[in-house]
Amino acid sequence: MASTARVQDRLRQRALLITTLTVPLTGWTVHAVSLHRQLAAARRDPLTGLLGRDGYTIKAQQVLRRYGDSALVVLVDVDHFKQINDTRGHAAGDRVLADIARRLTAWAGSHASVGRLGGDEFAVATRIGPGRRQLRLAQLTTLLAQPVEVDDGAPIDVAASIGAASPDILGTTALSLLQRAADAAMYEGKHSERAILAGPQHAAVPSINGRRAGRPGTDSLGRAA
């Protein structure tokens, strides 16, 4: 009996030790995850000052949770950007990207999530109610079509393709689904000089990493090869 009691006591002590060690570890894990999210949200693109992909995603999800059906997700792709780099130089291309970023930030407002997803691709999640969407998207198209002033030559003519998606039309607040639909809408209106608001048909377009799957005669982005 005494031997059994000693064994049970040792087991209790071991369980207590494990619990004591696990609690700080669990607390540190939670803290580490929270710190990672804060760092991701604070990380900004050095050229434009916009949020990077991770930071944009975190804040965009917050926008969608807060505003629901009054939220709008917008994807923007600068048209003929490679041509700008090739003919005017990379410094001019950088100026275009920085200027586009400034215009998007001003258009979206202070409570929006505005990010540079990479290259000449930008994303916005903001609050724009159903009654104002078409007007505000038309304003964005006009705003982004203004020439960019550069220090070493004539202004650069720019244009952007714009696709948008809203929770009330698509029946979801999932950022990935809204962005996929906005992406499909954007490529439907490529070079049309007008923003396209996604409908349910755009949400059904197959995609790879947020881009439409290639079709015969197109590249991986769905553009003419």
C-alpha atoms as a PDB file:
ATOM      1  CA  MET A   1       0.000   0.000   0.000  1.00  0.00           C
ATOM      2  CA  ALA A   2       2.814   2.370   0.912  1.00  0.00           C
ATOM      3  CA  SER A   3       4.547   1.561  -2.347  1.00  0.00           C
ATOM      4  CA  THR A   4       1.361   2.243  -4.302  1.00  0.00           C
ATOM      5  CA  ALA A   5       0.901   5.557  -2.510  1.00  0.00           C
ATOM      6  CA  ARG A   6       4.465   6.579  -3.360  1.00  0.00           C
ATOM      7  CA  VAL A   7       3.918   5.748  -7.035  1.00  0.00           C
ATOM      8  CA  GLN A   8       0.682   7.756  -7.122  1.00  0.00           C
ATOM      9  CA  ASP A   9       2.393  10.690  -5.411  1.00  0.00           C
ATOM     10  CA  ARG A  10       5.184  10.639  -7.973  1.00  0.00           C
ATOM     11  CA  LEU A  11       2.643  10.566 -10.795  1.00  0.00           C
ATOM     12  CA  ARG A  12       0.831  13.567  -9.306  1.00  0.00           C
ATOM     13  CA  GLN A  13       4.121  15.481  -8.981  1.00  0.00           C
ATOM     14  CA  ARG A  14       5.021  14.653 -12.581  1.00  0.00           C
ATOM     15  CA  ALA A  15       1.594  15.780 -13.793  1.00  0.00           C
ATOM     16  CA  LEU A  16       1.971  19.025 -11.841  1.00  0.00           C
ATOM     17  CA  LEU A  17       5.418  19.620 -13.345  1.00  0.00           C
ATOM     18  CA  ILE A  18       4.139  19.028 -16.866  1.00  0.00           C
ATOM     19  CA  THR A  19       1.212  21.377 -16.258  1.00  0.00           C
ATOM     20  CA  THR A  20       3.530  24.032 -14.831  1.00  0.00           C
ATOM     21  CA  LEU A  21       5.790  23.829 -17.888  1.00  0.00           C
ATOM     22  CA  THR A  22       2.936  23.706 -20.377  1.00  0.00           C
ATOM     23  CA  VAL A  23       1.084  26.804 -19.194  1.00  0.00           C
ATOM     24  CA  PRO A  24       3.949  29.249 -19.949  1.00  0.00           C
ATOM     25  CA  LEU A  25       4.602  27.449 -23.239  1.00  0.00           C
ATOM     26  CA  THR A  26       0.965  27.798 -24.258  1.00  0.00           C
ATOM     27  CA  GLY A  27       0.985  31.435 -23.232  1.00  0.00           C
ATOM     28  CA  TRP A  28       4.151  32.065 -25.236  1.00  0.00           C
ATOM     29  CA  THR A  29       2.685  30.314 -28.281  1.00  0.00           C
ATOM     30  CA  VAL A  30      -0.391  32.536 -28.185  1.00  0.00           C
ATOM     31  CA  HIS A  31       1.832  35.586 -27.736  1.00  0.00           C
ATOM     32  CA  ALA A  32       4.072  34.531 -30.640  1.00  0.00           C
ATOM     33  CA  VAL A  33       1.099  34.058 -32.967  1.00  0.00           C
ATOM     34  CA  SER A  34      -0.303  37.447 -31.961  1.00  0.00           C
ATOM     35  CA  LEU A  35       3.089  39.102 -32.453  1.00  0.00           C
ATOM     36  CA  HIS A  36       3.449  37.526 -35.904  1.00  0.00           C
ATOM     37  CA  ARG A  37       0.057  38.901 -36.932  1.00  0.00           C
ATOM     38  CA  GLN A  38       0.924  42.367 -35.639  1.00  0.00           C
ATOM     39  CA  LEU A  39       4.229  42.364 -37.512  1.00  0.00           C
ATOM     40  CA  ALA A  40       2.544  41.164 -40.697  1.00  0.00           C
ATOM     41  CA  ALA A  41      -0.078  43.885 -40.400  1.00  0.00           C
ATOM     42  CA  ALA A  42       2.574  46.554 -39.821  1.00  0.00           C
ATOM     43  CA  ARG A  43       4.839  45.436 -42.687  1.00  0.00           C
ATOM     44  CA  ARG A  44       4.597  47.871 -45.579  1.00  0.00           C
ATOM     45  CA  ASP A  45       5.798  47.934 -49.125  1.00  0.00           C
ATOM     46  CA  PRO A  46       8.915  50.160 -49.164  1.00  0.00           C
ATOM     47  CA  LEU A  47       8.150  51.725 -52.565  1.00  0.00           C
ATOM     48  CA  THR A  48       4.502  52.689 -52.124  1.00  0.00           C
ATOM     49  CA  GLY A  49       4.066  52.679 -48.353  1.00  0.00           C
ATOM     50  CA  LEU A  50       1.031  50.417 -48.745  1.00  0.00           C
ATOM     51  CA  LEU A  51       0.400  47.275 -46.757  1.00  0.00           C
ATOM     52  CA  GLY A  52       1.984  44.116 -48.095  1.00  0.00           C
ATOM     53  CA  ARG A  53      -0.099  41.071 -48.942  1.00  0.00           C
ATOM     54  CA  ASP A  54      -0.256  39.711 -45.365  1.00  0.00           C
ATOM     55  CA  GLY A  55      -1.039  43.040 -43.769  1.00  0.00           C
ATOM     56  CA  TYR A  56      -3.629  43.853 -46.384  1.00  0.00           C
ATOM     57  CA  THR A  57      -5.325  40.480 -45.888  1.00  0.00           C
ATOM     58  CA  ILE A  58      -5.580  40.861 -42.118  1.00  0.00           C
ATOM     59  CA  LYS A  59      -7.040  44.367 -42.326  1.00  0.00           C
ATOM     60  CA  ALA A  60      -9.320  43.540 -45.283  1.00  0.00           C
ATOM     61  CA  GLN A  61     -10.874  40.710 -43.300  1.00  0.00           C
ATOM     62  CA  GLN A  62     -11.529  43.173 -40.493  1.00  0.00           C
ATOM     63  CA  VAL A  63     -13.206  45.564 -42.941  1.00  0.00           C
ATOM     64  CA  LEU A  64     -15.447  42.769 -44.214  1.00  0.00           C
ATOM     65  CA  ARG A  65     -16.422  41.691 -40.704  1.00  0.00           C
ATOM     66  CA  ARG A  66     -17.188  45.247 -39.678  1.00  0.00           C
ATOM     67  CA  TYR A  67     -19.147  46.454 -42.714  1.00  0.00           C
ATOM     68  CA  GLY A  68     -20.619  43.238 -44.144  1.00  0.00           C
ATOM     69  CA  ASP A  69     -22.881  43.953 -47.120  1.00  0.00           C
ATOM     70  CA  SER A  70     -21.684  47.552 -47.258  1.00  0.00           C
ATOM     71  CA  ALA A  71     -18.098  46.478 -47.922  1.00  0.00           C
ATOM     72  CA  LEU A  72     -16.449  46.444 -51.328  1.00  0.00           C
ATOM     73  CA  VAL A  73     -13.317  44.591 -52.444  1.00  0.00           C
ATOM     74  CA  VAL A  74     -11.492  46.103 -55.417  1.00  0.00           C
ATOM     75  CA  LEU A  75      -8.572  44.746 -57.449  1.00  0.00           C
ATOM     76  CA  VAL A  76      -6.509  47.053 -59.665  1.00  0.00           C
ATOM     77  CA  ASP A  77      -3.980  46.148 -62.335  1.00  0.00           C
ATOM     78  CA  VAL A  78      -1.940  48.880 -64.061  1.00  0.00           C
ATOM     79  CA  ASP A  79      -2.296  48.531 -67.839  1.00  0.00           C
ATOM     80  CA  HIS A  80       0.830  48.285 -70.030  1.00  0.00           C
ATOM     81  CA  PHE A  81       3.137  48.667 -67.037  1.00  0.00           C
ATOM     82  CA  LYS A  82       5.975  46.700 -68.654  1.00  0.00           C
ATOM     83  CA  GLN A  83       5.861  49.094 -71.577  1.00  0.00           C
ATOM     84  CA  ILE A  84       6.283  52.031 -69.183  1.00  0.00           C
ATOM     85  CA  ASN A  85       9.345  50.393 -67.657  1.00  0.00           C
ATOM     86  CA  ASP A  86      10.798  49.542 -71.069  1.00  0.00           C
ATOM     87  CA  THR A  87      10.288  52.947 -72.662  1.00  0.00           C
ATOM     88  CA  ARG A  88      10.636  55.372 -69.738  1.00  0.00           C
ATOM     89  CA  GLY A  89      12.819  53.410 -67.336  1.00  0.00           C
ATOM     90  CA  HIS A  90      12.302  51.751 -63.987  1.00  0.00           C
ATOM     91  CA  ALA A  91      12.511  55.021 -62.072  1.00  0.00           C
ATOM     92  CA  ALA A  92       9.495  56.257 -64.027  1.00  0.00           C
ATOM     93  CA  GLY A  93       7.751  52.934 -63.419  1.00  0.00           C
ATOM     94  CA  ASP A  94       8.357  53.298 -59.698  1.00  0.00           C
ATOM     95  CA  ARG A  95       6.913  56.802 -59.829  1.00  0.00           C
ATOM     96  CA  VAL A  96       3.771  55.440 -61.492  1.00  0.00           C
ATOM     97  CA  LEU A  97       3.329  52.770 -58.817  1.00  0.00           C
ATOM     98  CA  ALA A  98       3.834  55.262 -55.997  1.00  0.00           C
ATOM     99  CA  ASP A  99       1.348  57.672 -57.569  1.00  0.00           C
ATOM    100  CA  ILE A 100      -1.253  54.946 -58.114  1.00  0.00           C
ATOM    101  CA  ALA A 101      -0.846  53.948 -54.467  1.00  0.00           C
ATOM    102  CA  ARG A 102      -1.407  57.524 -53.338  1.00  0.00           C
ATOM    103  CA  ARG A 103      -4.558  57.849 -55.439  1.00  0.00           C
ATOM    104  CA  LEU A 104      -5.970  54.551 -54.186  1.00  0.00           C
ATOM    105  CA  THR A 105      -5.361  55.567 -50.585  1.00  0.00           C
ATOM    106  CA  ALA A 106      -7.103  58.901 -51.079  1.00  0.00           C
ATOM    107  CA  TRP A 107     -10.053  57.260 -52.840  1.00  0.00           C
ATOM    108  CA  ALA A 108     -10.512  54.443 -50.307  1.00  0.00           C
ATOM    109  CA  GLY A 109     -10.590  56.573 -47.158  1.00  0.00           C
ATOM    110  CA  SER A 110      -8.961  56.293 -43.767  1.00  0.00           C
ATOM    111  CA  HIS A 111     -10.674  53.106 -42.554  1.00  0.00           C
ATOM    112  CA  ALA A 112      -9.911  50.999 -45.620  1.00  0.00           C
ATOM    113  CA  SER A 113      -7.309  48.329 -46.263  1.00  0.00           C
ATOM    114  CA  VAL A 114      -5.126  49.245 -49.239  1.00  0.00           C
ATOM    115  CA  GLY A 115      -2.346  46.899 -50.292  1.00  0.00           C
ATOM    116  CA  ARG A 116       0.163  46.194 -53.003  1.00  0.00           C
ATOM    117  CA  LEU A 117      -0.127  42.507 -53.793  1.00  0.00           C
ATOM    118  CA  GLY A 118       2.978  42.503 -55.964  1.00  0.00           C
ATOM    119  CA  GLY A 119       4.288  44.075 -59.163  1.00  0.00           C
ATOM    120  CA  ASP A 120       1.610  46.399 -60.550  1.00  0.00           C
ATOM    121  CA  GLU A 121      -1.279  44.753 -58.690  1.00  0.00           C
ATOM    122  CA  PHE A 122      -3.173  46.501 -55.923  1.00  0.00           C
ATOM    123  CA  ALA A 123      -6.149  45.657 -53.721  1.00  0.00           C
ATOM    124  CA  VAL A 124      -8.598  47.643 -51.633  1.00  0.00           C
ATOM    125  CA  ALA A 125     -11.235  46.672 -49.093  1.00  0.00           C
ATOM    126  CA  THR A 126     -13.405  49.568 -48.012  1.00  0.00           C
ATOM    127  CA  ARG A 127     -16.912  50.643 -47.084  1.00  0.00           C
ATOM    128  CA  ILE A 128     -19.056  51.719 -50.032  1.00  0.00           C
ATOM    129  CA  GLY A 129     -22.785  51.039 -49.850  1.00  0.00           C
ATOM    130  CA  PRO A 130     -24.775  49.556 -52.762  1.00  0.00           C
ATOM    131  CA  GLY A 131     -26.268  52.890 -53.790  1.00  0.00           C
ATOM    132  CA  ARG A 132     -22.890  54.550 -54.325  1.00  0.00           C
ATOM    133  CA  ARG A 133     -20.766  51.758 -55.808  1.00  0.00           C
ATOM    134  CA  GLN A 134     -21.148  52.494 -59.512  1.00  0.00           C
ATOM    135  CA  LEU A 135     -20.496  56.199 -59.020  1.00  0.00           C
ATOM    136  CA  ARG A 136     -17.464  55.615 -56.800  1.00  0.00           C
ATOM    137  CA  LEU A 137     -16.011  53.021 -59.168  1.00  0.00           C
ATOM    138  CA  ALA A 138     -16.450  55.431 -62.082  1.00  0.00           C
ATOM    139  CA  GLN A 139     -14.637  58.067 -60.028  1.00  0.00           C
ATOM    140  CA  LEU A 140     -11.803  55.627 -59.376  1.00  0.00           C
ATOM    141  CA  THR A 141     -11.475  54.847 -63.087  1.00  0.00           C
ATOM    142  CA  THR A 142     -11.176  58.555 -63.874  1.00  0.00           C
ATOM    143  CA  LEU A 143      -8.752  59.138 -61.007  1.00  0.00           C
ATOM    144  CA  LEU A 144      -6.393  56.351 -62.039  1.00  0.00           C
ATOM    145  CA  ALA A 145      -6.403  57.514 -65.672  1.00  0.00           C
ATOM    146  CA  GLN A 146      -4.796  60.863 -64.835  1.00  0.00           C
ATOM    147  CA  PRO A 147      -1.240  61.223 -66.261  1.00  0.00           C
ATOM    148  CA  VAL A 148       1.640  60.822 -63.836  1.00  0.00           C
ATOM    149  CA  GLU A 149       4.069  63.714 -63.625  1.00  0.00           C
ATOM    150  CA  VAL A 150       7.752  62.775 -63.739  1.00  0.00           C
ATOM    151  CA  ASP A 151      10.846  64.898 -63.214  1.00  0.00           C
ATOM    152  CA  ASP A 152      12.756  63.934 -66.353  1.00  0.00           C
ATOM    153  CA  GLY A 153      10.256  64.134 -69.183  1.00  0.00           C
ATOM    154  CA  ALA A 154       6.699  64.405 -70.413  1.00  0.00           C
ATOM    155  CA  PRO A 155       3.875  63.126 -68.190  1.00  0.00           C
ATOM    156  CA  ILE A 156       3.189  59.403 -68.444  1.00  0.00           C
ATOM    157  CA  ASP A 157      -0.255  58.365 -69.627  1.00  0.00           C
ATOM    158  CA  VAL A 158      -1.612  55.626 -67.394  1.00  0.00           C
ATOM    159  CA  ALA A 159      -4.720  53.502 -67.155  1.00  0.00           C
ATOM    160  CA  ALA A 160      -5.812  50.684 -64.901  1.00  0.00           C
ATOM    161  CA  SER A 161      -8.127  47.702 -65.124  1.00  0.00           C
ATOM    162  CA  ILE A 162     -10.498  47.497 -62.163  1.00  0.00           C
ATOM    163  CA  GLY A 163     -12.664  44.696 -60.834  1.00  0.00           C
ATOM    164  CA  ALA A 164     -14.821  44.827 -57.718  1.00  0.00           C
ATOM    165  CA  ALA A 165     -16.901  42.423 -55.661  1.00  0.00           C
ATOM    166  CA  SER A 166     -19.373  42.892 -52.817  1.00  0.00           C
ATOM    167  CA  PRO A 167     -20.755  40.528 -50.157  1.00  0.00           C
ATOM    168  CA  ASP A 168     -24.414  41.345 -50.817  1.00  0.00           C
ATOM    169  CA  ILE A 169     -24.194  40.376 -54.501  1.00  0.00           C
ATOM    170  CA  LEU A 170     -22.090  37.243 -54.003  1.00  0.00           C
ATOM    171  CA  GLY A 171     -23.574  36.126 -50.686  1.00  0.00           C
ATOM    172  CA  THR A 172     -20.248  35.797 -48.869  1.00  0.00           C
ATOM    173  CA  THR A 173     -17.801  37.818 -46.795  1.00  0.00           C
ATOM    174  CA  ALA A 174     -14.920  35.413 -47.507  1.00  0.00           C
ATOM    175  CA  LEU A 175     -12.068  37.572 -48.774  1.00  0.00           C
ATOM    176  CA  SER A 176     -10.610  34.863 -51.003  1.00  0.00           C
ATOM    177  CA  LEU A 177     -13.926  34.351 -52.815  1.00  0.00           C
ATOM    178  CA  LEU A 178     -14.554  38.064 -53.222  1.00  0.00           C
ATOM    179  CA  GLN A 179     -11.069  38.609 -54.605  1.00  0.00           C
ATOM    180  CA  ARG A 180     -11.443  35.729 -57.039  1.00  0.00           C
ATOM    181  CA  ALA A 181     -14.669  37.228 -58.377  1.00  0.00           C
ATOM    182  CA  ALA A 182     -13.152  40.725 -58.510  1.00  0.00           C
ATOM    183  CA  ASP A 183     -10.176  39.312 -60.385  1.00  0.00           C
ATOM    184  CA  ALA A 184     -12.403  37.629 -62.963  1.00  0.00           C
ATOM    185  CA  ALA A 185     -14.391  40.860 -63.380  1.00  0.00           C
ATOM    186  CA  MET A 186     -11.192  42.853 -63.771  1.00  0.00           C
ATOM    187  CA  TYR A 187      -9.964  40.669 -66.622  1.00  0.00           C
ATOM    188  CA  GLU A 188     -13.351  40.728 -68.291  1.00  0.00           C
ATOM    189  CA  GLY A 189     -13.024  44.510 -68.486  1.00  0.00           C
ATOM    190  CA  LYS A 190      -9.303  44.597 -69.288  1.00  0.00           C
ATOM    191  CA  HIS A 191      -8.384  47.757 -71.227  1.00  0.00           C
ATOM    192  CA  SER A 192     -12.057  48.781 -71.412  1.00  0.00           C
ATOM    193  CA  GLU A 193     -11.484  51.907 -69.282  1.00  0.00           C
ATOM    194  CA  ARG A 194     -14.343  50.981 -66.991  1.00  0.00           C
ATOM    195  CA  ALA A 195     -14.626  49.169 -63.676  1.00  0.00           C
ATOM    196  CA  ILE A 196     -16.552  45.891 -63.609  1.00  0.00           C
ATOM    197  CA  LEU A 197     -18.637  44.933 -60.575  1.00  0.00           C
ATOM    198  CA  ALA A 198     -18.641  41.140 -60.224  1.00  0.00           C
ATOM    199  CA  GLY A 199     -21.790  39.068 -60.395  1.00  0.00           C
ATOM    200  CA  PRO A 200     -22.336  35.414 -59.432  1.00  0.00           C
ATOM    201  CA  GLN A 201     -20.965  34.294 -62.813  1.00  0.00           C
ATOM    202  CA  HIS A 202     -17.560  35.769 -61.935  1.00  0.00           C
ATOM    203  CA  ALA A 203     -17.411  33.817 -58.677  1.00  0.00           C
ATOM    204  CA  ALA A 204     -17.696  30.581 -60.666  1.00  0.00           C
ATOM    205  CA  VAL A 205     -14.624  31.278 -62.826  1.00  0.00           C
ATOM    206  CA  PRO A 206     -11.862  28.742 -62.005  1.00  0.00           C
ATOM    207  CA  SER A 207      -8.688  30.337 -60.683  1.00  0.00           C
ATOM    208  CA  ILE A 208      -5.137  29.504 -59.690  1.00  0.00           C
ATOM    209  CA  ASN A 209      -3.610  31.556 -56.868  1.00  0.00           C
ATOM    210  CA  GLY A 210      -6.255  34.218 -57.378  1.00  0.00           C
ATOM    211  CA  ARG A 211      -5.803  34.194 -61.140  1.00  0.00           C
ATOM    212  CA  ARG A 212      -7.977  32.558 -63.741  1.00  0.00           C
ATOM    213  CA  ALA A 213      -6.770  29.231 -65.026  1.00  0.00           C
ATOM    214  CA  GLY A 214      -5.165  29.450 -68.430  1.00  0.00           C
ATOM    215  CA  ARG A 215      -7.258  28.589 -71.459  1.00  0.00           C
ATOM    216  CA  PRO A 216      -6.026  27.677 -74.918  1.00  0.00           C
ATOM    217  CA  GLY A 217      -4.414  30.747 -76.380  1.00  0.00           C
ATOM    218  CA  THR A 218      -3.983  32.479 -73.032  1.00  0.00           C
ATOM    219  CA  ASP A 219      -1.280  32.702 -70.402  1.00  0.00           C
ATOM    220  CA  SER A 220      -1.650  31.685 -66.747  1.00  0.00           C
ATOM    221  CA  LEU A 221      -3.393  34.979 -66.047  1.00  0.00           C
ATOM    222  CA  GLY A 222      -6.028  34.407 -68.679  1.00  0.00           C
ATOM    223  CA  ARG A 223      -4.560  37.021 -71.020  1.00  0.00           C
ATOM    224  CA  ALA A 224      -3.886  36.567 -74.712  1.00  0.00           C
ATOM    225  CA  ALA A 225      -0.613  34.745 -75.201  1.00  0.00           C
END
